[in-house]
Amino acid sequence: DDFLYELCKYHVSGQLKIAPEHISDRVTRLMGKSNRAVYLRFVEKFRRMNERLGKKQYLVPYFMSSHPGSELSDAIELAEFIRDMGYHPQQVQDFIPTPGTLSTCMWYTGIDPMTGEKVYSAKSYEDKRMQRALMQYWLPKNHEIVRKALHLGHREDLIGYGPKCLVRPRRQPKQVKKV
């Protein structure tokens, strides 16, 4: 709390960029990152501290698509989290293999070198495109690929008009009545 007080009072000028990178426990474990619960606790503590200080400061989270271990279900989970938090990331980082990292080792080999377990990596253009688009599901240019991802992920419940839906159903062309 002392650190957070110091940070919020003297070192944040309106926005604090943070990098949870993902929220799926499977993916954050492979990244060597804290899980969703830790992130949410920090978000709440940050909010309360700024309220106490009378400041309007915001967190700007950085998320990544297609990290090794991120299956389509994890990408959909991240999209739902982004929706529920009210986030609209303008920039999305897709995983890029970087020499000398454990993540790159997992990407190339398909194996977690620490445990020997198999690790899925999205490598095709289409798989990477779906994971990326899910993070910006609200953009009209992404609606078609998001619908495809939701169908493939068996999450048609997220296609519709309800408050929890990510995209609306595809519009049917209007039928012209013959007279």
C-alpha atoms as a PDB file:
ATOM      1  CA  ASP A   1       0.000   0.000   0.000  1.00  0.00           C
ATOM      2  CA  ASP A   2       2.891   2.390   0.726  1.00  0.00           C
ATOM      3  CA  PHE A   3       4.366   1.712  -2.698  1.00  0.00           C
ATOM      4  CA  LEU A   4       1.005   2.153  -4.420  1.00  0.00           C
ATOM      5  CA  TYR A   5       0.435   5.423  -2.519  1.00  0.00           C
ATOM      6  CA  GLU A   6       3.827   6.722  -3.664  1.00  0.00           C
ATOM      7  CA  LEU A   7       3.233   5.535  -7.227  1.00  0.00           C
ATOM      8  CA  CYS A   8      -0.236   7.054  -7.575  1.00  0.00           C
ATOM      9  CA  LYS A   9       0.516  10.303  -5.773  1.00  0.00           C
ATOM     10  CA  TYR A  10       3.825  11.204  -7.400  1.00  0.00           C
ATOM     11  CA  HIS A  11       4.609   9.032 -10.419  1.00  0.00           C
ATOM     12  CA  VAL A  12       1.461   8.559 -12.515  1.00  0.00           C
ATOM     13  CA  SER A  13       0.429  11.415 -14.747  1.00  0.00           C
ATOM     14  CA  GLY A  14      -3.072  10.264 -15.630  1.00  0.00           C
ATOM     15  CA  GLN A  15      -2.343   6.868 -17.158  1.00  0.00           C
ATOM     16  CA  LEU A  16      -0.281   3.930 -15.996  1.00  0.00           C
ATOM     17  CA  LYS A  17       0.647   1.380 -18.631  1.00  0.00           C
ATOM     18  CA  ILE A  18       0.741  -2.176 -17.361  1.00  0.00           C
ATOM     19  CA  ALA A  19       1.343  -5.479 -19.106  1.00  0.00           C
ATOM     20  CA  PRO A  20      -0.817  -8.360 -17.897  1.00  0.00           C
ATOM     21  CA  GLU A  21      -0.482  -9.631 -21.520  1.00  0.00           C
ATOM     22  CA  HIS A  22      -3.205 -12.282 -21.078  1.00  0.00           C
ATOM     23  CA  ILE A  23      -5.737 -13.418 -18.484  1.00  0.00           C
ATOM     24  CA  SER A  24      -6.082 -17.146 -19.213  1.00  0.00           C
ATOM     25  CA  ASP A  25      -4.372 -19.052 -16.414  1.00  0.00           C
ATOM     26  CA  ARG A  26      -2.906 -21.520 -18.927  1.00  0.00           C
ATOM     27  CA  VAL A  27      -1.303 -18.722 -20.963  1.00  0.00           C
ATOM     28  CA  THR A  28      -0.097 -16.578 -18.050  1.00  0.00           C
ATOM     29  CA  ARG A  29       1.533 -19.659 -16.487  1.00  0.00           C
ATOM     30  CA  LEU A  30       3.473 -20.275 -19.716  1.00  0.00           C
ATOM     31  CA  MET A  31       4.404 -16.578 -19.871  1.00  0.00           C
ATOM     32  CA  GLY A  32       5.682 -16.674 -16.302  1.00  0.00           C
ATOM     33  CA  LYS A  33       3.157 -13.951 -15.421  1.00  0.00           C
ATOM     34  CA  SER A  34       0.679 -13.445 -12.608  1.00  0.00           C
ATOM     35  CA  ASN A  35      -2.810 -14.775 -13.174  1.00  0.00           C
ATOM     36  CA  ARG A  36      -6.105 -12.947 -13.666  1.00  0.00           C
ATOM     37  CA  ALA A  37      -6.868 -12.800  -9.941  1.00  0.00           C
ATOM     38  CA  VAL A  38      -3.634 -10.911  -9.208  1.00  0.00           C
ATOM     39  CA  TYR A  39      -4.339  -8.474 -12.049  1.00  0.00           C
ATOM     40  CA  LEU A  40      -7.886  -7.828 -10.821  1.00  0.00           C
ATOM     41  CA  ARG A  41      -6.660  -7.239  -7.258  1.00  0.00           C
ATOM     42  CA  PHE A  42      -4.163  -4.681  -8.570  1.00  0.00           C
ATOM     43  CA  VAL A  43      -6.854  -2.957 -10.666  1.00  0.00           C
ATOM     44  CA  GLU A  44      -9.081  -2.643  -7.587  1.00  0.00           C
ATOM     45  CA  LYS A  45      -6.261  -1.420  -5.316  1.00  0.00           C
ATOM     46  CA  PHE A  46      -5.222   1.132  -7.951  1.00  0.00           C
ATOM     47  CA  ARG A  47      -8.819   2.361  -8.233  1.00  0.00           C
ATOM     48  CA  ARG A  48      -9.241   2.649  -4.457  1.00  0.00           C
ATOM     49  CA  MET A  49      -5.893   4.416  -3.988  1.00  0.00           C
ATOM     50  CA  ASN A  50      -6.725   7.015  -6.641  1.00  0.00           C
ATOM     51  CA  GLU A  51     -10.167   7.505  -5.119  1.00  0.00           C
ATOM     52  CA  ARG A  52      -8.505   8.076  -1.740  1.00  0.00           C
ATOM     53  CA  LEU A  53      -6.096  10.597  -3.315  1.00  0.00           C
ATOM     54  CA  GLY A  54      -8.895  12.324  -5.231  1.00  0.00           C
ATOM     55  CA  LYS A  55      -7.174  11.636  -8.547  1.00  0.00           C
ATOM     56  CA  LYS A  56      -8.609  10.523 -11.867  1.00  0.00           C
ATOM     57  CA  GLN A  57      -5.962   8.135 -13.155  1.00  0.00           C
ATOM     58  CA  TYR A  58      -6.373   5.142 -15.389  1.00  0.00           C
ATOM     59  CA  LEU A  59      -4.687   1.869 -16.161  1.00  0.00           C
ATOM     60  CA  VAL A  60      -3.823   1.144 -19.772  1.00  0.00           C
ATOM     61  CA  PRO A  61      -3.370  -2.628 -20.087  1.00  0.00           C
ATOM     62  CA  TYR A  62      -1.282  -4.272 -22.773  1.00  0.00           C
ATOM     63  CA  PHE A  63      -2.535  -7.637 -24.053  1.00  0.00           C
ATOM     64  CA  MET A  64      -0.977 -10.031 -26.539  1.00  0.00           C
ATOM     65  CA  SER A  65      -2.574 -12.379 -29.036  1.00  0.00           C
ATOM     66  CA  SER A  66      -1.287 -15.776 -30.185  1.00  0.00           C
ATOM     67  CA  HIS A  67       1.261 -16.340 -27.426  1.00  0.00           C
ATOM     68  CA  PRO A  68       2.284 -20.017 -27.212  1.00  0.00           C
ATOM     69  CA  GLY A  69      -0.356 -21.847 -25.216  1.00  0.00           C
ATOM     70  CA  SER A  70      -3.147 -19.522 -26.315  1.00  0.00           C
ATOM     71  CA  GLU A  71      -5.774 -21.695 -27.934  1.00  0.00           C
ATOM     72  CA  LEU A  72      -8.925 -20.281 -29.502  1.00  0.00           C
ATOM     73  CA  SER A  73     -10.791 -20.814 -26.219  1.00  0.00           C
ATOM     74  CA  ASP A  74      -8.182 -18.682 -24.407  1.00  0.00           C
ATOM     75  CA  ALA A  75      -8.528 -15.917 -27.008  1.00  0.00           C
ATOM     76  CA  ILE A  76     -12.310 -15.974 -26.548  1.00  0.00           C
ATOM     77  CA  GLU A  77     -11.846 -15.841 -22.776  1.00  0.00           C
ATOM     78  CA  LEU A  78      -9.613 -12.784 -23.232  1.00  0.00           C
ATOM     79  CA  ALA A  79     -12.224 -11.135 -25.501  1.00  0.00           C
ATOM     80  CA  GLU A  80     -14.909 -11.673 -22.853  1.00  0.00           C
ATOM     81  CA  PHE A  81     -12.605 -10.213 -20.200  1.00  0.00           C
ATOM     82  CA  ILE A  82     -11.889  -7.157 -22.372  1.00  0.00           C
ATOM     83  CA  ARG A  83     -15.655  -6.724 -22.894  1.00  0.00           C
ATOM     84  CA  ASP A  84     -16.437  -7.100 -19.184  1.00  0.00           C
ATOM     85  CA  MET A  85     -13.729  -4.622 -18.165  1.00  0.00           C
ATOM     86  CA  GLY A  86     -14.957  -2.073 -20.725  1.00  0.00           C
ATOM     87  CA  TYR A  87     -11.578  -2.009 -22.477  1.00  0.00           C
ATOM     88  CA  HIS A  88     -11.203  -1.102 -26.144  1.00  0.00           C
ATOM     89  CA  PRO A  89      -7.529  -1.624 -26.976  1.00  0.00           C
ATOM     90  CA  GLN A  90      -6.555   0.462 -29.975  1.00  0.00           C
ATOM     91  CA  GLN A  91      -3.308  -1.425 -30.508  1.00  0.00           C
ATOM     92  CA  VAL A  92      -2.964  -5.178 -30.359  1.00  0.00           C
ATOM     93  CA  GLN A  93       0.368  -6.970 -30.205  1.00  0.00           C
ATOM     94  CA  ASP A  94       0.589 -10.338 -31.898  1.00  0.00           C
ATOM     95  CA  PHE A  95       3.258 -12.702 -30.552  1.00  0.00           C
ATOM     96  CA  ILE A  96       6.512 -12.413 -32.474  1.00  0.00           C
ATOM     97  CA  PRO A  97       9.203 -15.020 -31.768  1.00  0.00           C
ATOM     98  CA  THR A  98      12.233 -13.354 -30.198  1.00  0.00           C
ATOM     99  CA  PRO A  99      15.516 -15.321 -30.090  1.00  0.00           C
ATOM    100  CA  GLY A 100      16.629 -16.604 -26.724  1.00  0.00           C
ATOM    101  CA  THR A 101      13.240 -16.605 -24.963  1.00  0.00           C
ATOM    102  CA  LEU A 102      11.301 -19.505 -23.481  1.00  0.00           C
ATOM    103  CA  SER A 103       8.230 -18.336 -25.387  1.00  0.00           C
ATOM    104  CA  THR A 104      10.076 -18.629 -28.704  1.00  0.00           C
ATOM    105  CA  CYS A 105      11.357 -22.067 -27.729  1.00  0.00           C
ATOM    106  CA  MET A 106       7.739 -23.124 -27.070  1.00  0.00           C
ATOM    107  CA  TRP A 107       6.610 -21.568 -30.353  1.00  0.00           C
ATOM    108  CA  TYR A 108       9.207 -23.428 -32.439  1.00  0.00           C
ATOM    109  CA  THR A 109       9.183 -26.783 -30.637  1.00  0.00           C
ATOM    110  CA  GLY A 110       5.602 -26.997 -29.415  1.00  0.00           C
ATOM    111  CA  ILE A 111       6.960 -28.062 -26.015  1.00  0.00           C
ATOM    112  CA  ASP A 112       7.293 -26.219 -22.703  1.00  0.00           C
ATOM    113  CA  PRO A 113      11.025 -26.702 -21.967  1.00  0.00           C
ATOM    114  CA  MET A 114      10.367 -26.412 -18.224  1.00  0.00           C
ATOM    115  CA  THR A 115       7.816 -29.247 -18.024  1.00  0.00           C
ATOM    116  CA  GLY A 116       8.062 -31.174 -21.296  1.00  0.00           C
ATOM    117  CA  GLU A 117       4.323 -30.724 -21.906  1.00  0.00           C
ATOM    118  CA  LYS A 118       2.975 -30.050 -25.392  1.00  0.00           C
ATOM    119  CA  VAL A 119       2.062 -26.431 -26.101  1.00  0.00           C
ATOM    120  CA  TYR A 120      -0.225 -25.242 -28.891  1.00  0.00           C
ATOM    121  CA  SER A 121       0.927 -22.251 -30.935  1.00  0.00           C
ATOM    122  CA  ALA A 122      -1.205 -20.417 -33.474  1.00  0.00           C
ATOM    123  CA  LYS A 123       0.955 -20.299 -36.581  1.00  0.00           C
ATOM    124  CA  SER A 124      -1.376 -20.059 -39.543  1.00  0.00           C
ATOM    125  CA  TYR A 125      -2.409 -16.668 -40.811  1.00  0.00           C
ATOM    126  CA  GLU A 126      -6.073 -17.472 -40.150  1.00  0.00           C
ATOM    127  CA  ASP A 127      -5.534 -18.702 -36.566  1.00  0.00           C
ATOM    128  CA  LYS A 128      -3.446 -15.656 -35.683  1.00  0.00           C
ATOM    129  CA  ARG A 129      -5.970 -13.367 -37.385  1.00  0.00           C
ATOM    130  CA  MET A 130      -8.840 -14.817 -35.319  1.00  0.00           C
ATOM    131  CA  GLN A 131      -7.006 -14.395 -32.014  1.00  0.00           C
ATOM    132  CA  ARG A 132      -6.040 -10.846 -32.884  1.00  0.00           C
ATOM    133  CA  ALA A 133      -9.530  -9.857 -34.096  1.00  0.00           C
ATOM    134  CA  LEU A 134     -11.145 -11.203 -30.918  1.00  0.00           C
ATOM    135  CA  MET A 135      -9.223  -8.579 -28.935  1.00  0.00           C
ATOM    136  CA  GLN A 136     -10.886  -5.872 -31.050  1.00  0.00           C
ATOM    137  CA  TYR A 137     -14.230  -7.601 -31.545  1.00  0.00           C
ATOM    138  CA  TRP A 138     -16.179  -4.294 -31.642  1.00  0.00           C
ATOM    139  CA  LEU A 139     -14.496  -3.045 -34.832  1.00  0.00           C
ATOM    140  CA  PRO A 140     -16.771  -3.605 -37.868  1.00  0.00           C
ATOM    141  CA  LYS A 141     -13.812  -4.796 -39.963  1.00  0.00           C
ATOM    142  CA  ASN A 142     -13.355  -7.710 -37.516  1.00  0.00           C
ATOM    143  CA  HIS A 143     -16.976  -8.884 -37.254  1.00  0.00           C
ATOM    144  CA  GLU A 144     -16.770 -11.600 -39.910  1.00  0.00           C
ATOM    145  CA  ILE A 145     -13.567 -13.176 -38.563  1.00  0.00           C
ATOM    146  CA  VAL A 146     -14.835 -12.907 -34.962  1.00  0.00           C
ATOM    147  CA  ARG A 147     -18.039 -14.748 -35.962  1.00  0.00           C
ATOM    148  CA  LYS A 148     -15.884 -17.442 -37.580  1.00  0.00           C
ATOM    149  CA  ALA A 149     -13.758 -17.764 -34.423  1.00  0.00           C
ATOM    150  CA  LEU A 150     -16.858 -18.008 -32.226  1.00  0.00           C
ATOM    151  CA  HIS A 151     -18.339 -20.716 -34.473  1.00  0.00           C
ATOM    152  CA  LEU A 152     -15.077 -22.691 -34.446  1.00  0.00           C
ATOM    153  CA  GLY A 153     -14.847 -22.247 -30.672  1.00  0.00           C
ATOM    154  CA  HIS A 154     -18.460 -23.428 -30.232  1.00  0.00           C
ATOM    155  CA  ARG A 155     -19.346 -20.098 -28.594  1.00  0.00           C
ATOM    156  CA  GLU A 156     -22.325 -19.091 -30.712  1.00  0.00           C
ATOM    157  CA  ASP A 157     -23.839 -17.781 -27.455  1.00  0.00           C
ATOM    158  CA  LEU A 158     -21.594 -14.733 -27.968  1.00  0.00           C
ATOM    159  CA  ILE A 159     -23.236 -13.927 -31.320  1.00  0.00           C
ATOM    160  CA  GLY A 160     -26.478 -12.022 -30.909  1.00  0.00           C
ATOM    161  CA  TYR A 161     -28.036  -8.912 -29.441  1.00  0.00           C
ATOM    162  CA  GLY A 162     -27.589  -9.445 -25.701  1.00  0.00           C
ATOM    163  CA  PRO A 163     -25.259  -7.435 -23.489  1.00  0.00           C
ATOM    164  CA  LYS A 164     -22.755 -10.312 -23.280  1.00  0.00           C
ATOM    165  CA  CYS A 165     -22.564 -10.839 -27.053  1.00  0.00           C
ATOM    166  CA  LEU A 166     -19.381  -9.864 -28.852  1.00  0.00           C
ATOM    167  CA  VAL A 167     -20.887  -9.473 -32.326  1.00  0.00           C
ATOM    168  CA  ARG A 168     -24.298  -9.405 -33.948  1.00  0.00           C
ATOM    169  CA  PRO A 169     -25.463 -12.095 -36.345  1.00  0.00           C
ATOM    170  CA  ARG A 170     -24.649 -11.710 -40.014  1.00  0.00           C
ATOM    171  CA  ARG A 171     -27.255  -9.617 -41.808  1.00  0.00           C
ATOM    172  CA  GLN A 172     -29.400 -11.507 -44.230  1.00  0.00           C
ATOM    173  CA  PRO A 173     -29.902  -9.777 -47.590  1.00  0.00           C
ATOM    174  CA  LYS A 174     -33.368  -8.308 -47.930  1.00  0.00           C
ATOM    175  CA  GLN A 175     -35.647 -10.298 -50.176  1.00  0.00           C
ATOM    176  CA  VAL A 176     -37.368  -8.338 -52.901  1.00  0.00           C
ATOM    177  CA  LYS A 177     -41.022  -9.281 -53.272  1.00  0.00           C
ATOM    178  CA  LYS A 178     -42.081 -10.140 -56.796  1.00  0.00           C
ATOM    179  CA  VAL A 179     -45.289  -8.478 -57.886  1.00  0.00           C
END
